[in-house]
N, C-alpha and C. Protein backbone atom coordinates (compact mmCIF):
# COMPACT_ATOMS: atom_id res chain seq x y z
N UNK A 1 10.12 -6.35 20.41
CA UNK A 1 9.85 -5.06 20.91
C UNK A 1 11.06 -4.94 20.42
N UNK A 2 11.79 -4.56 21.34
CA UNK A 2 13.59 -3.96 20.99
C UNK A 2 13.84 -3.67 19.84
N UNK A 3 14.10 -5.14 19.28
CA UNK A 3 14.27 -5.14 18.13
C UNK A 3 13.90 -4.60 17.02
N UNK A 4 12.58 -4.72 17.46
CA UNK A 4 11.64 -3.59 16.28
C UNK A 4 11.97 -1.59 16.42
N UNK A 5 12.04 -1.77 17.47
CA UNK A 5 12.50 -0.09 17.69
C UNK A 5 14.00 0.18 17.08
N UNK A 6 14.70 -1.19 17.50
CA UNK A 6 16.27 -0.82 17.33
C UNK A 6 16.14 -0.51 15.43
N UNK A 7 15.52 -1.16 14.92
CA UNK A 7 15.43 -1.38 13.73
C UNK A 7 14.91 0.12 13.27
N UNK A 8 13.78 0.44 13.77
CA UNK A 8 13.12 1.49 13.26
C UNK A 8 13.99 2.99 13.67
N UNK A 9 14.68 2.87 14.85
CA UNK A 9 15.60 4.07 14.38
C UNK A 9 16.48 3.68 13.92
N UNK A 10 17.33 2.60 13.52
CA UNK A 10 18.27 2.65 12.21
C UNK A 10 17.29 2.87 11.12
N UNK A 11 16.67 2.87 10.61
CA UNK A 11 16.06 3.38 9.44
C UNK A 11 15.69 4.86 9.12
N UNK A 12 15.69 5.44 10.32
CA UNK A 12 15.24 6.74 10.42
C UNK A 12 16.91 7.44 10.41
N UNK A 13 18.00 6.97 11.19
CA UNK A 13 19.00 7.16 11.08
C UNK A 13 19.76 7.27 9.32
N UNK A 14 19.27 6.12 8.70
CA UNK A 14 19.69 6.03 7.62
C UNK A 14 19.01 7.14 6.28
N UNK A 15 17.93 7.43 7.02
CA UNK A 15 17.12 8.27 6.10
C UNK A 15 17.30 9.87 6.26
N UNK A 16 17.83 10.13 7.51
CA UNK A 16 18.21 11.65 7.80
C UNK A 16 19.48 11.85 7.89
N UNK A 17 20.75 10.39 7.21
CA UNK A 17 21.97 11.01 6.76
C UNK A 17 21.90 10.70 4.90
N UNK A 18 20.64 10.25 4.76
CA UNK A 18 20.79 10.19 3.17
C UNK A 18 20.27 11.71 3.01
N UNK A 19 19.26 12.29 3.44
CA UNK A 19 19.10 13.69 3.43
C UNK A 19 20.23 14.69 3.38
N UNK A 20 20.96 14.23 4.38
CA UNK A 20 22.32 15.65 4.56
C UNK A 20 23.01 15.02 3.38
N UNK A 21 22.96 13.99 2.85
CA UNK A 21 23.86 13.79 1.71
C UNK A 21 23.09 14.58 0.50
N UNK A 22 22.10 14.23 0.11
CA UNK A 22 21.36 15.13 -0.86
C UNK A 22 21.97 16.53 -0.46
N UNK A 23 21.50 16.92 0.35
CA UNK A 23 21.40 18.59 0.77
C UNK A 23 22.65 18.95 0.27
N UNK A 24 23.93 18.15 0.77
CA UNK A 24 25.23 18.56 0.61
C UNK A 24 25.46 18.65 -0.82
N UNK A 25 25.27 17.74 -1.30
CA UNK A 25 25.49 17.29 -3.10
C UNK A 25 25.11 18.92 -3.58
N UNK A 26 23.82 19.27 -3.10
CA UNK A 26 22.85 20.42 -3.67
C UNK A 26 23.62 21.43 -3.64
N UNK A 27 24.44 21.36 -3.09
CA UNK A 27 25.33 23.00 -2.41
C UNK A 27 26.57 22.79 -3.93
N UNK A 28 26.65 21.63 -4.65
CA UNK A 28 28.06 22.20 -5.37
C UNK A 28 27.47 21.44 -6.53
N UNK A 29 26.34 21.06 -6.91
CA UNK A 29 25.76 20.68 -7.91
C UNK A 29 24.20 20.32 -8.18
N UNK A 30 23.56 20.73 -9.30
CA UNK A 30 22.01 19.91 -9.83
C UNK A 30 21.85 19.06 -9.24
N UNK A 31 21.42 18.22 -8.51
CA UNK A 31 20.49 17.18 -8.10
C UNK A 31 19.05 17.11 -8.65
N UNK A 32 19.04 15.89 -9.65
CA UNK A 32 17.25 15.42 -9.72
C UNK A 32 16.72 14.51 -8.63
N UNK A 33 15.94 14.70 -7.95
CA UNK A 33 15.88 14.07 -6.88
C UNK A 33 14.32 13.55 -6.52
N UNK A 34 13.92 13.18 -8.12
CA UNK A 34 12.12 12.89 -8.05
C UNK A 34 12.08 11.79 -7.03
N UNK A 35 12.87 10.51 -7.33
CA UNK A 35 12.74 9.37 -6.99
C UNK A 35 13.35 9.19 -5.17
N UNK A 36 13.99 9.78 -5.13
CA UNK A 36 14.96 10.08 -3.91
C UNK A 36 13.88 10.76 -2.74
N UNK A 37 13.53 12.08 -3.16
CA UNK A 37 12.66 12.85 -2.43
C UNK A 37 11.28 11.70 -2.13
N UNK A 38 10.36 11.23 -2.63
CA UNK A 38 9.64 10.17 -2.82
C UNK A 38 9.65 9.06 -1.51
N UNK A 39 10.92 8.27 -1.66
CA UNK A 39 10.94 7.37 -1.19
C UNK A 39 11.55 7.40 0.37
N UNK A 40 12.05 8.70 0.51
CA UNK A 40 13.00 9.20 1.33
C UNK A 40 11.56 9.45 2.38
N UNK A 41 10.36 10.64 1.81
CA UNK A 41 9.11 10.55 2.47
C UNK A 41 8.57 9.37 2.56
N UNK A 42 8.57 8.38 2.18
CA UNK A 42 7.54 7.09 2.32
C UNK A 42 7.80 6.63 3.69
N UNK A 43 9.29 6.57 3.60
CA UNK A 43 9.96 5.82 4.66
C UNK A 43 9.91 6.62 6.17
N UNK A 44 10.08 8.08 5.52
CA UNK A 44 9.85 8.73 7.27
C UNK A 44 8.65 8.76 7.69
N UNK A 45 7.26 8.67 7.03
CA UNK A 45 5.95 8.61 7.00
C UNK A 45 5.70 7.40 7.29
N UNK A 46 6.63 6.12 6.98
CA UNK A 46 5.73 5.03 7.96
C UNK A 46 6.39 5.21 9.35
N UNK A 47 7.50 5.13 9.35
CA UNK A 47 8.35 5.49 10.64
C UNK A 47 7.61 6.11 11.87
N UNK A 48 7.30 7.15 11.62
CA UNK A 48 7.04 8.23 12.32
C UNK A 48 5.36 7.60 12.48
N UNK A 49 4.72 7.02 11.81
CA UNK A 49 3.65 6.22 11.98
C UNK A 49 3.78 5.15 12.82
N UNK A 50 4.97 4.37 13.12
CA UNK A 50 5.15 3.12 13.95
C UNK A 50 5.13 1.92 12.67
N UNK A 51 5.07 1.88 11.70
CA UNK A 51 5.00 1.05 10.62
C UNK A 51 6.43 0.68 10.36
N UNK A 52 6.57 -0.84 10.31
CA UNK A 52 8.33 -1.24 10.65
C UNK A 52 8.04 -1.95 9.09
N UNK A 53 7.27 -2.80 8.55
CA UNK A 53 7.83 -3.59 7.62
C UNK A 53 6.66 -3.18 6.02
N UNK A 54 6.65 -1.69 6.14
CA UNK A 54 6.03 -1.69 4.99
C UNK A 54 7.01 -1.18 3.78
N UNK A 55 6.68 -1.20 2.52
CA UNK A 55 7.98 -1.08 1.25
C UNK A 55 7.77 0.43 0.92
N UNK A 56 8.92 0.82 0.32
CA UNK A 56 8.27 2.40 0.06
C UNK A 56 6.84 2.87 -1.15
N UNK A 57 6.50 1.56 -1.50
CA UNK A 57 5.26 1.84 -2.64
C UNK A 57 4.18 1.65 -1.56
N UNK A 58 4.27 1.00 -0.29
CA UNK A 58 2.81 1.32 0.66
C UNK A 58 3.57 2.37 1.29
N UNK A 59 4.19 2.89 1.63
CA UNK A 59 4.26 4.15 2.23
C UNK A 59 4.40 5.50 1.52
N UNK A 60 4.58 5.43 0.31
CA UNK A 60 4.23 6.63 -0.53
C UNK A 60 2.67 6.74 -0.60
N UNK A 61 2.21 5.12 -0.92
CA UNK A 61 0.70 5.45 -1.01
C UNK A 61 -0.05 5.44 0.68
N UNK A 62 0.76 5.40 1.59
CA UNK A 62 -0.13 6.10 3.07
C UNK A 62 0.12 7.30 2.57
N UNK A 63 1.18 7.77 2.31
CA UNK A 63 1.48 9.66 2.55
C UNK A 63 0.60 10.18 1.91
N UNK A 64 0.16 9.42 0.79
CA UNK A 64 -0.76 10.30 -0.08
C UNK A 64 -1.61 10.23 0.53
N UNK A 65 -2.63 9.32 0.74
CA UNK A 65 -3.89 9.07 1.17
C UNK A 65 -4.19 9.52 2.55
N UNK A 66 -3.09 9.22 3.31
CA UNK A 66 -2.95 10.72 4.25
C UNK A 66 -2.95 12.25 4.70
N UNK A 67 -2.32 12.52 3.69
CA UNK A 67 -2.12 13.95 3.25
C UNK A 67 -2.07 14.59 2.12
N UNK A 68 -2.32 14.03 1.41
CA UNK A 68 -2.64 14.58 -0.07
C UNK A 68 -4.18 14.49 -1.00
N UNK A 69 -4.66 13.43 -0.50
CA UNK A 69 -5.88 12.97 -1.80
C UNK A 69 -7.35 12.92 -0.30
N UNK A 70 -8.30 13.59 -1.12
CA UNK A 70 -9.53 13.72 0.07
C UNK A 70 -9.95 12.33 0.64
N UNK A 71 -10.20 12.12 1.73
CA UNK A 71 -10.29 10.64 2.00
C UNK A 71 -11.63 10.32 1.79
N UNK A 72 -12.49 10.80 1.41
CA UNK A 72 -14.49 10.45 0.72
C UNK A 72 -14.13 10.13 -0.46
N UNK A 73 -13.33 11.09 -1.25
CA UNK A 73 -13.28 11.49 -2.75
C UNK A 73 -11.80 11.19 -3.38
N UNK A 74 -11.03 10.05 -3.51
CA UNK A 74 -9.60 10.08 -4.01
C UNK A 74 -9.14 10.56 -5.32
N UNK A 75 -10.09 11.11 -5.96
CA UNK A 75 -10.01 11.85 -7.43
C UNK A 75 -9.79 13.67 -6.80
N UNK A 76 -10.04 13.43 -5.85
CA UNK A 76 -9.97 15.25 -5.32
C UNK A 76 -8.84 15.33 -4.19
N UNK A 77 -8.41 16.46 -3.94
CA UNK A 77 -6.93 16.81 -3.29
C UNK A 77 -7.96 17.18 -2.24
N UNK A 78 -7.25 17.00 -1.01
CA UNK A 78 -7.09 17.17 0.40
C UNK A 78 -7.18 19.10 0.13
N UNK A 79 -8.20 19.50 1.20
CA UNK A 79 -8.28 20.90 1.79
C UNK A 79 -6.63 21.65 1.52
N UNK A 80 -5.46 21.01 2.24
CA UNK A 80 -4.26 21.72 2.67
C UNK A 80 -3.73 21.26 0.72
N UNK A 81 -3.69 20.30 -0.05
CA UNK A 81 -2.97 19.66 -0.97
C UNK A 81 -3.61 20.95 -2.29
N UNK A 82 -5.14 21.21 -2.23
CA UNK A 82 -5.45 21.82 -2.76
C UNK A 82 -4.97 23.46 -3.03
N UNK A 83 -4.93 23.83 -1.79
CA UNK A 83 -3.91 25.27 -1.65
C UNK A 83 -2.95 25.08 -2.18
N UNK A 84 -2.27 24.48 -2.10
CA UNK A 84 -0.82 24.11 -3.36
C UNK A 84 -0.90 24.14 -4.77
N UNK A 85 -1.81 23.55 -5.28
CA UNK A 85 -2.39 23.33 -6.11
C UNK A 85 -2.67 24.56 -6.86
N UNK A 86 -3.48 25.01 -5.94
CA UNK A 86 -3.54 27.08 -6.79
C UNK A 86 -2.95 27.59 -6.43
N UNK A 87 -1.86 27.24 -5.80
CA UNK A 87 -0.45 27.97 -5.89
C UNK A 87 0.38 27.54 -7.11
N UNK A 88 0.83 26.21 -7.35
CA UNK A 88 1.34 25.68 -8.57
C UNK A 88 0.96 25.95 -9.76
N UNK A 89 -0.31 25.69 -9.82
CA UNK A 89 -1.21 25.93 -11.00
C UNK A 89 -1.07 26.89 -12.05
N UNK A 90 -1.29 28.38 -11.47
CA UNK A 90 -0.61 29.79 -12.44
C UNK A 90 0.85 29.26 -12.81
N UNK A 91 1.32 28.72 -12.33
CA UNK A 91 2.89 28.97 -12.77
C UNK A 91 3.17 27.92 -13.63
N UNK A 92 2.70 27.19 -14.11
CA UNK A 92 2.37 25.86 -15.31
C UNK A 92 1.98 26.74 -16.15
N UNK A 93 3.12 26.61 -17.81
CA UNK A 93 2.23 27.18 -18.94
C UNK A 93 1.19 26.30 -18.95
N UNK A 94 1.24 25.07 -19.22
CA UNK A 94 0.00 24.10 -19.69
C UNK A 94 -1.07 23.73 -18.57
N UNK A 95 -2.66 23.65 -19.12
CA UNK A 95 -3.38 23.46 -18.04
C UNK A 95 -3.61 22.52 -17.33
N UNK A 96 -3.54 21.84 -16.18
CA UNK A 96 -3.42 20.43 -15.36
C UNK A 96 -4.50 20.80 -14.43
N UNK A 97 -5.40 19.54 -14.78
CA UNK A 97 -6.58 19.62 -13.94
C UNK A 97 -6.16 18.63 -12.59
N UNK A 98 -6.63 19.07 -11.65
CA UNK A 98 -6.78 18.51 -10.60
C UNK A 98 -6.62 16.90 -10.82
N UNK A 99 -8.01 16.19 -11.11
CA UNK A 99 -7.97 14.84 -11.11
C UNK A 99 -6.85 14.57 -11.73
N UNK A 100 -5.80 14.63 -12.56
CA UNK A 100 -4.83 14.13 -13.55
C UNK A 100 -3.87 14.75 -12.33
N UNK A 101 -4.05 15.53 -11.06
CA UNK A 101 -2.60 15.44 -10.43
C UNK A 101 -3.23 14.34 -9.55
N UNK A 102 -4.32 14.31 -8.79
CA UNK A 102 -4.68 13.00 -8.19
C UNK A 102 -4.19 11.72 -8.57
N UNK A 103 -4.65 11.78 -10.17
CA UNK A 103 -4.09 9.94 -10.33
C UNK A 103 -2.68 10.13 -10.27
N UNK A 104 -1.86 11.06 -10.57
CA UNK A 104 -0.27 10.79 -10.46
C UNK A 104 -0.07 10.79 -8.94
N UNK A 105 -0.35 11.50 -8.29
CA UNK A 105 -0.28 11.22 -6.42
C UNK A 105 -0.75 9.96 -6.15
N UNK A 106 -1.85 9.50 -6.91
CA UNK A 106 -2.04 8.05 -6.37
C UNK A 106 -1.51 6.74 -6.56
N UNK A 107 -0.28 7.07 -8.00
CA UNK A 107 0.87 6.31 -8.18
C UNK A 107 2.03 6.87 -7.97
N UNK A 108 2.52 7.78 -7.73
CA UNK A 108 3.61 8.28 -7.48
C UNK A 108 4.83 7.55 -7.49
N UNK A 109 4.95 6.42 -6.71
CA UNK A 109 6.24 5.97 -6.47
C UNK A 109 6.18 5.16 -8.24
N UNK A 110 5.43 4.54 -8.71
CA UNK A 110 5.70 4.98 -10.16
C UNK A 110 6.59 5.47 -11.69
N UNK A 111 5.48 6.62 -11.01
CA UNK A 111 5.31 7.62 -12.09
C UNK A 111 7.07 8.05 -11.77
N UNK A 112 7.47 8.24 -10.58
CA UNK A 112 8.63 8.84 -10.66
C UNK A 112 9.55 8.17 -11.22
N UNK A 113 9.70 7.00 -12.03
CA UNK A 113 10.45 6.38 -12.15
C UNK A 113 10.87 6.94 -13.73
N UNK A 114 9.96 7.42 -14.05
CA UNK A 114 9.84 8.23 -15.51
C UNK A 114 10.99 9.15 -15.66
N UNK A 115 11.29 10.07 -14.47
CA UNK A 115 12.25 11.32 -14.35
C UNK A 115 12.26 12.45 -15.53
N UNK A 116 13.04 13.28 -14.68
CA UNK A 116 13.32 14.36 -15.82
C UNK A 116 14.48 13.90 -17.23
N UNK A 117 13.30 14.13 -18.36
CA UNK A 117 14.39 13.49 -19.68
C UNK A 117 14.88 15.00 -20.21
N UNK A 118 15.22 15.70 -19.65
CA UNK A 118 15.98 17.09 -20.07
C UNK A 118 17.90 17.25 -19.58
N UNK A 119 18.19 16.24 -18.73
CA UNK A 119 19.32 16.82 -17.69
C UNK A 119 20.44 17.78 -18.60
N UNK A 120 20.34 17.57 -19.93
CA UNK A 120 21.06 18.31 -20.31
C UNK A 120 20.98 19.94 -20.33
N UNK A 121 19.42 20.25 -20.63
CA UNK A 121 18.89 21.46 -20.18
C UNK A 121 19.04 21.71 -18.70
N UNK A 122 19.37 21.20 -17.86
CA UNK A 122 19.28 21.31 -16.30
C UNK A 122 20.74 21.42 -16.06
N UNK A 123 21.51 20.93 -16.81
CA UNK A 123 23.12 21.28 -16.33
C UNK A 123 23.63 22.03 -17.09
N UNK A 124 22.78 23.15 -17.92
CA UNK A 124 23.38 24.17 -18.51
C UNK A 124 22.35 25.40 -17.97
N UNK A 125 21.15 25.17 -17.10
CA UNK A 125 20.63 26.15 -17.09
C UNK A 125 20.12 25.89 -15.59
N UNK A 126 20.46 25.25 -15.17
CA UNK A 126 20.52 25.21 -13.65
C UNK A 126 21.37 25.38 -12.34
N UNK A 127 21.49 26.50 -11.63
CA UNK A 127 22.90 26.32 -10.82
C UNK A 127 22.70 25.31 -9.61
N UNK A 128 23.66 25.43 -8.52
CA UNK A 128 23.17 24.40 -7.69
C UNK A 128 22.09 23.90 -6.94
N UNK A 129 21.42 22.96 -6.50
CA UNK A 129 20.55 23.12 -5.88
C UNK A 129 19.89 21.62 -5.96
N UNK A 130 18.82 21.36 -5.34
CA UNK A 130 17.68 20.27 -5.64
C UNK A 130 16.46 20.15 -6.21
N UNK A 131 16.68 19.40 -7.16
CA UNK A 131 15.22 19.34 -8.08
C UNK A 131 14.60 18.57 -8.40
N UNK A 132 13.10 19.09 -8.50
CA UNK A 132 12.20 17.76 -9.00
C UNK A 132 11.27 18.43 -10.29
N UNK A 133 10.37 17.37 -10.84
CA UNK A 133 9.86 18.08 -12.13
C UNK A 133 9.23 16.99 -12.88
N UNK A 134 8.86 17.33 -13.80
CA UNK A 134 8.86 16.67 -15.35
C UNK A 134 8.94 17.20 -16.23
N UNK A 135 8.61 16.78 -17.84
CA UNK A 135 8.76 17.27 -18.70
C UNK A 135 7.57 18.12 -19.22
N UNK A 136 6.51 17.58 -18.99
CA UNK A 136 5.41 17.84 -19.16
C UNK A 136 4.10 17.21 -18.21
N UNK A 137 2.91 17.95 -18.51
CA UNK A 137 1.69 17.01 -17.66
C UNK A 137 1.88 17.58 -16.15
N UNK A 138 0.93 16.66 -15.59
CA UNK A 138 0.52 16.75 -14.00
C UNK A 138 1.37 16.10 -13.07
N UNK A 139 2.68 15.25 -13.46
CA UNK A 139 3.41 14.85 -12.56
C UNK A 139 4.32 16.37 -11.72
N UNK A 140 4.73 17.30 -12.42
CA UNK A 140 5.51 17.99 -12.05
C UNK A 140 4.56 18.57 -10.81
N UNK A 141 3.91 19.10 -10.84
CA UNK A 141 2.61 19.88 -10.35
C UNK A 141 2.19 18.93 -8.74
N UNK A 142 2.21 17.06 -9.18
CA UNK A 142 2.13 16.67 -8.16
C UNK A 142 3.25 16.11 -7.28
N UNK A 143 4.29 16.51 -7.93
CA UNK A 143 5.53 16.47 -7.21
C UNK A 143 5.74 17.56 -6.20
N UNK A 144 5.46 18.83 -6.68
CA UNK A 144 5.28 20.02 -6.01
C UNK A 144 4.53 19.96 -4.97
N UNK A 145 3.46 19.60 -4.91
CA UNK A 145 2.68 19.30 -3.59
C UNK A 145 3.03 18.13 -2.83
N UNK A 146 3.83 17.32 -3.18
CA UNK A 146 4.29 16.26 -2.62
C UNK A 146 5.64 17.10 -1.41
N UNK A 147 6.40 17.69 -2.21
CA UNK A 147 7.53 17.92 -1.40
C UNK A 147 7.19 19.16 -0.57
N UNK A 148 6.10 20.12 -0.77
CA UNK A 148 5.37 21.21 0.21
C UNK A 148 5.11 20.25 1.48
N UNK A 149 4.01 19.40 1.27
CA UNK A 149 3.70 18.39 2.58
C UNK A 149 5.06 17.99 3.09
N UNK A 150 6.03 17.75 2.63
CA UNK A 150 6.86 16.55 3.15
C UNK A 150 7.62 17.69 4.19
N UNK A 151 7.94 18.91 3.14
CA UNK A 151 8.72 19.59 4.08
C UNK A 151 8.03 20.22 5.30
N UNK A 152 6.95 20.47 4.89
CA UNK A 152 5.91 20.79 6.03
C UNK A 152 5.82 19.86 7.58
N UNK A 153 5.97 18.63 7.24
CA UNK A 153 6.00 17.74 8.06
C UNK A 153 7.26 17.29 8.61
N UNK A 154 7.99 18.10 8.27
CA UNK A 154 9.58 17.88 8.60
C UNK A 154 10.40 16.40 8.06
N UNK A 155 10.19 15.93 7.04
CA UNK A 155 10.47 14.74 6.63
C UNK A 155 11.86 15.08 5.90
N UNK A 156 11.63 16.38 5.08
CA UNK A 156 12.90 16.76 4.11
C UNK A 156 13.11 18.61 4.91
N UNK A 157 14.09 19.14 4.84
CA UNK A 157 14.09 20.10 5.46
C UNK A 157 15.23 21.22 4.26
N UNK A 158 15.14 20.95 3.48
CA UNK A 158 16.29 21.74 2.33
C UNK A 158 14.79 22.36 1.06
N UNK A 159 15.42 23.41 0.81
CA UNK A 159 15.09 23.86 -0.49
C UNK A 159 14.79 22.94 -1.34
N UNK A 160 13.51 23.03 -2.32
CA UNK A 160 13.51 22.36 -3.63
C UNK A 160 13.21 23.35 -4.82
N UNK A 161 13.99 23.04 -5.53
CA UNK A 161 13.12 24.11 -7.38
C UNK A 161 12.71 22.78 -8.14
N UNK A 162 11.26 23.66 -8.18
CA UNK A 162 10.29 22.74 -9.19
C UNK A 162 10.17 22.88 -10.46
N UNK A 163 10.77 22.17 -11.94
CA UNK A 163 11.09 21.93 -12.87
C UNK A 163 10.13 21.42 -13.48
N UNK A 164 9.37 22.40 -14.96
CA UNK A 164 8.21 22.20 -15.65
C UNK A 164 8.22 22.40 -16.99
N UNK A 165 8.47 21.53 -18.21
CA UNK A 165 8.63 21.50 -19.27
C UNK A 165 9.86 22.54 -19.50
N UNK A 166 10.86 22.19 -19.21
CA UNK A 166 12.28 23.16 -19.25
C UNK A 166 12.50 24.57 -18.97
N UNK A 167 11.50 24.30 -18.02
CA UNK A 167 11.39 25.79 -17.13
C UNK A 167 11.50 25.41 -15.85
N UNK A 168 12.23 26.61 -15.14
CA UNK A 168 12.30 26.66 -13.59
C UNK A 168 10.93 27.57 -13.13
N UNK A 169 9.83 26.51 -12.44
CA UNK A 169 8.36 27.29 -12.22
C UNK A 169 8.46 27.70 -10.75
N UNK A 170 9.35 27.45 -9.91
CA UNK A 170 9.26 27.57 -8.28
C UNK A 170 10.09 27.18 -7.46
N UNK A 171 10.12 27.39 -6.38
CA UNK A 171 10.90 26.90 -5.19
C UNK A 171 9.84 26.38 -4.36
N UNK A 172 10.34 25.30 -3.48
CA UNK A 172 9.40 24.87 -2.57
C UNK A 172 10.35 24.86 -1.27
N UNK A 173 9.82 26.15 -0.10
CA UNK A 173 10.95 26.38 1.12
C UNK A 173 9.81 26.04 2.43
N UNK A 174 10.29 25.23 3.36
CA UNK A 174 9.38 25.34 4.32
C UNK A 174 8.19 25.11 4.23
N UNK A 175 7.85 24.15 2.88
CA UNK A 175 6.36 23.76 2.87
C UNK A 175 5.40 24.85 2.19
N UNK A 176 5.87 25.96 1.75
CA UNK A 176 5.53 27.00 0.73
C UNK A 176 6.18 27.23 -0.73
N UNK A 177 5.21 27.45 -1.60
CA UNK A 177 5.55 27.67 -2.69
C UNK A 177 5.67 28.77 -3.24
N UNK A 178 7.21 28.84 -3.84
CA UNK A 178 7.38 30.37 -3.69
C UNK A 178 7.79 30.45 -5.40
N UNK A 179 8.06 32.12 -5.98
CA UNK A 179 8.54 32.25 -6.88
C UNK A 179 9.75 31.55 -7.43
N UNK A 180 10.23 31.15 -8.53
CA UNK A 180 11.69 30.77 -8.63
C UNK A 180 13.06 31.36 -8.58
N UNK A 181 12.95 32.98 -8.36
CA UNK A 181 13.69 33.79 -8.35
C UNK A 181 13.95 34.10 -6.83
N UNK A 182 13.14 33.55 -5.96
CA UNK A 182 13.16 33.93 -4.50
C UNK A 182 14.18 33.46 -3.72
């Protein structure tokens, strides 16, 4: 039991240090952090729930099904996630339905491997900071919801800029969706 607790504390310290590194990098450059934020949130969520042996994949699923999807209908967002979706949807130029966002969230660990494929645009148009998002489709909205909930729970503490279709569409700060210029 002592060994397990020591391992848990070590994982938490590593996640906290990694959060600090990303936050410090974001002060000097634009950092695309889709995968990093999902993995860190998954680890911190699992450790806070007392689970030691979960993978990042399982942790991301546990976070999603605990906080973001409706327990009875996983093709619908939870009440809190739905509020975030309603704040984000008008900021995105294309119409993105809730079911598509749920689909991305249910498999977000694999989806974030796709990354943002316009880093040249980001480097040319973005100032310092930590960015998440997608080229198009529901992944950007799913990531915005994920980040807001992770901030609300204290898993990440820094502001994050949401990018969609080569545009900065929002800032996520303290679990709240804000206009991009705030």
